[in-house]
Amino acid sequence: MTARCAPVQKPNPLYFVEVRARRRGGQNPFSYFLELDRDENSASAVHCLIRHDDSVIRVLEIIEPCEDFPRGQCLDVTNEMHAEALGLCESLEYDQQVAKWDHDRDLRKHDAD
């Protein structure tokens, strides 16, 4: 009888997002880490936060201890996440513009001004 081997799982990183906040009256700014649901904690969720919230200060990527990283790993990926989020935002805007051009072309083609 042969034993089934579980597929090697790649470590799923956890993301911690630090944001800037202000107290009432605009004095004494402080920062805190947002609570992200462990099941929905992904790079795309962080990109969405960055695109919609300009108060993101720092993004940390945590890889829990595993075979590849027996002691775990913590990286500051703030710059990479901001660049990816802005790139995604630009590509989404471009896609929306292309869709508008296609729609306008179809209207002209079918004489539906």
C-alpha atoms as a PDB file:
ATOM      1  CA  MET A   1       0.000   0.000   0.000  1.00  0.00           C
ATOM      2  CA  THR A   2       1.443   3.352  -1.018  1.00  0.00           C
ATOM      3  CA  ALA A   3       0.973   6.481   0.990  1.00  0.00           C
ATOM      4  CA  ARG A   4      -0.404   9.589  -0.625  1.00  0.00           C
ATOM      5  CA  CYS A   5       1.815  12.577  -0.375  1.00  0.00           C
ATOM      6  CA  ALA A   6       0.241  15.924   0.166  1.00  0.00           C
ATOM      7  CA  PRO A   7       1.242  18.474  -2.448  1.00  0.00           C
ATOM      8  CA  VAL A   8       3.862  20.917  -1.326  1.00  0.00           C
ATOM      9  CA  GLN A   9       2.054  24.044  -0.286  1.00  0.00           C
ATOM     10  CA  LYS A  10       3.599  27.388  -1.001  1.00  0.00           C
ATOM     11  CA  PRO A  11       3.575  29.640   2.009  1.00  0.00           C
ATOM     12  CA  ASN A  12       0.693  32.089   1.958  1.00  0.00           C
ATOM     13  CA  PRO A  13       1.889  35.439   3.210  1.00  0.00           C
ATOM     14  CA  LEU A  14      -0.117  37.499   5.653  1.00  0.00           C
ATOM     15  CA  TYR A  15      -0.221  41.237   5.088  1.00  0.00           C
ATOM     16  CA  PHE A  16      -0.256  43.832   7.841  1.00  0.00           C
ATOM     17  CA  VAL A  17      -1.253  47.329   6.725  1.00  0.00           C
ATOM     18  CA  GLU A  18      -0.327  50.334   8.845  1.00  0.00           C
ATOM     19  CA  VAL A  19      -2.440  53.447   8.270  1.00  0.00           C
ATOM     20  CA  ARG A  20      -2.230  57.032   9.473  1.00  0.00           C
ATOM     21  CA  ALA A  21      -5.091  58.466  11.483  1.00  0.00           C
ATOM     22  CA  ARG A  22      -5.801  61.772  13.187  1.00  0.00           C
ATOM     23  CA  ARG A  23      -7.562  62.515  16.377  1.00  0.00           C
ATOM     24  CA  ARG A  24     -10.357  65.004  16.541  1.00  0.00           C
ATOM     25  CA  GLY A  25      -9.133  68.500  15.935  1.00  0.00           C
ATOM     26  CA  GLY A  26      -6.414  67.303  13.565  1.00  0.00           C
ATOM     27  CA  GLN A  27      -3.733  67.191  16.251  1.00  0.00           C
ATOM     28  CA  ASN A  28      -1.438  64.393  17.344  1.00  0.00           C
ATOM     29  CA  PRO A  29      -1.471  62.070  14.345  1.00  0.00           C
ATOM     30  CA  PHE A  30      -1.017  58.397  15.157  1.00  0.00           C
ATOM     31  CA  SER A  31      -0.884  55.154  13.226  1.00  0.00           C
ATOM     32  CA  TYR A  32      -2.352  51.690  13.691  1.00  0.00           C
ATOM     33  CA  PHE A  33      -2.531  48.377  11.865  1.00  0.00           C
ATOM     34  CA  LEU A  34      -5.806  47.526  10.144  1.00  0.00           C
ATOM     35  CA  GLU A  35      -7.559  44.290  10.970  1.00  0.00           C
ATOM     36  CA  LEU A  36      -7.646  42.079   7.882  1.00  0.00           C
ATOM     37  CA  ASP A  37      -9.607  38.835   7.877  1.00  0.00           C
ATOM     38  CA  ARG A  38      -7.162  35.916   7.644  1.00  0.00           C
ATOM     39  CA  ASP A  39      -9.247  34.218   4.948  1.00  0.00           C
ATOM     40  CA  GLU A  40      -9.400  37.341   2.782  1.00  0.00           C
ATOM     41  CA  ASN A  41      -5.853  38.545   3.495  1.00  0.00           C
ATOM     42  CA  SER A  42      -4.299  38.767   0.036  1.00  0.00           C
ATOM     43  CA  ALA A  43      -2.221  41.052  -2.127  1.00  0.00           C
ATOM     44  CA  SER A  44      -5.305  42.062  -4.124  1.00  0.00           C
ATOM     45  CA  ALA A  45      -7.102  43.139  -0.919  1.00  0.00           C
ATOM     46  CA  VAL A  46      -4.086  45.279   0.003  1.00  0.00           C
ATOM     47  CA  HIS A  47      -4.008  46.772  -3.517  1.00  0.00           C
ATOM     48  CA  CYS A  48      -7.662  47.710  -3.119  1.00  0.00           C
ATOM     49  CA  LEU A  49      -6.917  49.396   0.223  1.00  0.00           C
ATOM     50  CA  ILE A  50      -4.053  51.371  -1.278  1.00  0.00           C
ATOM     51  CA  ARG A  51      -6.146  52.519  -4.249  1.00  0.00           C
ATOM     52  CA  HIS A  52      -9.039  53.679  -2.063  1.00  0.00           C
ATOM     53  CA  ASP A  53      -7.222  54.969   1.031  1.00  0.00           C
ATOM     54  CA  ASP A  54      -4.347  57.431   0.816  1.00  0.00           C
ATOM     55  CA  SER A  55      -3.414  56.990   4.480  1.00  0.00           C
ATOM     56  CA  VAL A  56      -1.550  53.684   4.005  1.00  0.00           C
ATOM     57  CA  ILE A  57       1.917  54.126   5.522  1.00  0.00           C
ATOM     58  CA  ARG A  58       3.478  50.683   5.528  1.00  0.00           C
ATOM     59  CA  VAL A  59       2.719  47.157   4.313  1.00  0.00           C
ATOM     60  CA  LEU A  60       4.442  44.194   5.943  1.00  0.00           C
ATOM     61  CA  GLU A  61       4.435  40.724   4.400  1.00  0.00           C
ATOM     62  CA  ILE A  62       4.699  37.932   6.977  1.00  0.00           C
ATOM     63  CA  ILE A  63       5.464  34.337   6.017  1.00  0.00           C
ATOM     64  CA  GLU A  64       4.847  31.929   8.860  1.00  0.00           C
ATOM     65  CA  PRO A  65       7.484  29.285   9.672  1.00  0.00           C
ATOM     66  CA  CYS A  66       7.527  26.504   7.073  1.00  0.00           C
ATOM     67  CA  GLU A  67      10.045  24.249   5.333  1.00  0.00           C
ATOM     68  CA  ASP A  68      11.342  27.046   3.101  1.00  0.00           C
ATOM     69  CA  PHE A  69      11.497  29.563   5.951  1.00  0.00           C
ATOM     70  CA  PRO A  70      11.975  27.618   9.210  1.00  0.00           C
ATOM     71  CA  ARG A  71      12.135  30.834  11.227  1.00  0.00           C
ATOM     72  CA  GLY A  72       9.501  32.663   9.206  1.00  0.00           C
ATOM     73  CA  GLN A  73      10.049  35.880   7.309  1.00  0.00           C
ATOM     74  CA  CYS A  74       8.939  39.503   7.587  1.00  0.00           C
ATOM     75  CA  LEU A  75       9.450  41.931   4.704  1.00  0.00           C
ATOM     76  CA  ASP A  76       8.534  45.569   4.204  1.00  0.00           C
ATOM     77  CA  VAL A  77       6.800  45.505   0.797  1.00  0.00           C
ATOM     78  CA  THR A  78       5.315  49.009   0.904  1.00  0.00           C
ATOM     79  CA  ASN A  79       6.972  50.336  -2.250  1.00  0.00           C
ATOM     80  CA  GLU A  80       6.186  47.216  -4.279  1.00  0.00           C
ATOM     81  CA  MET A  81       2.537  47.206  -3.198  1.00  0.00           C
ATOM     82  CA  HIS A  82       2.100  50.911  -4.009  1.00  0.00           C
ATOM     83  CA  ALA A  83       3.684  50.422  -7.447  1.00  0.00           C
ATOM     84  CA  GLU A  84       1.515  47.385  -8.201  1.00  0.00           C
ATOM     85  CA  ALA A  85      -1.648  49.115  -6.969  1.00  0.00           C
ATOM     86  CA  LEU A  86      -0.986  52.196  -9.093  1.00  0.00           C
ATOM     87  CA  GLY A  87      -0.151  50.010 -12.098  1.00  0.00           C
ATOM     88  CA  LEU A  88      -3.400  48.104 -11.639  1.00  0.00           C
ATOM     89  CA  CYS A  89      -5.289  51.366 -11.307  1.00  0.00           C
ATOM     90  CA  GLU A  90      -3.776  52.741 -14.521  1.00  0.00           C
ATOM     91  CA  SER A  91      -4.533  49.528 -16.409  1.00  0.00           C
ATOM     92  CA  LEU A  92      -8.138  49.557 -15.138  1.00  0.00           C
ATOM     93  CA  GLU A  93      -8.570  53.160 -16.267  1.00  0.00           C
ATOM     94  CA  TYR A  94      -7.083  52.245 -19.656  1.00  0.00           C
ATOM     95  CA  ASP A  95      -9.448  49.254 -19.961  1.00  0.00           C
ATOM     96  CA  GLN A  96     -12.412  51.493 -19.157  1.00  0.00           C
ATOM     97  CA  GLN A  97     -11.282  54.021 -21.781  1.00  0.00           C
ATOM     98  CA  VAL A  98     -10.891  51.272 -24.397  1.00  0.00           C
ATOM     99  CA  ALA A  99     -14.370  49.954 -23.566  1.00  0.00           C
ATOM    100  CA  LYS A 100     -15.789  53.469 -24.021  1.00  0.00           C
ATOM    101  CA  TRP A 101     -14.055  53.810 -27.398  1.00  0.00           C
ATOM    102  CA  ASP A 102     -15.443  50.432 -28.487  1.00  0.00           C
ATOM    103  CA  HIS A 103     -18.922  51.430 -27.384  1.00  0.00           C
ATOM    104  CA  ASP A 104     -18.711  54.750 -29.246  1.00  0.00           C
ATOM    105  CA  ARG A 105     -17.435  52.969 -32.382  1.00  0.00           C
ATOM    106  CA  ASP A 106     -20.339  50.491 -32.216  1.00  0.00           C
ATOM    107  CA  LEU A 107     -22.823  53.331 -31.887  1.00  0.00           C
ATOM    108  CA  ARG A 108     -21.359  55.059 -34.950  1.00  0.00           C
ATOM    109  CA  LYS A 109     -21.312  51.774 -36.901  1.00  0.00           C
ATOM    110  CA  HIS A 110     -25.004  51.181 -36.237  1.00  0.00           C
ATOM    111  CA  ASP A 111     -25.996  54.862 -36.647  1.00  0.00           C
ATOM    112  CA  ALA A 112     -27.361  55.022 -33.134  1.00  0.00           C
ATOM    113  CA  ASP A 113     -26.273  58.521 -32.131  1.00  0.00           C
END
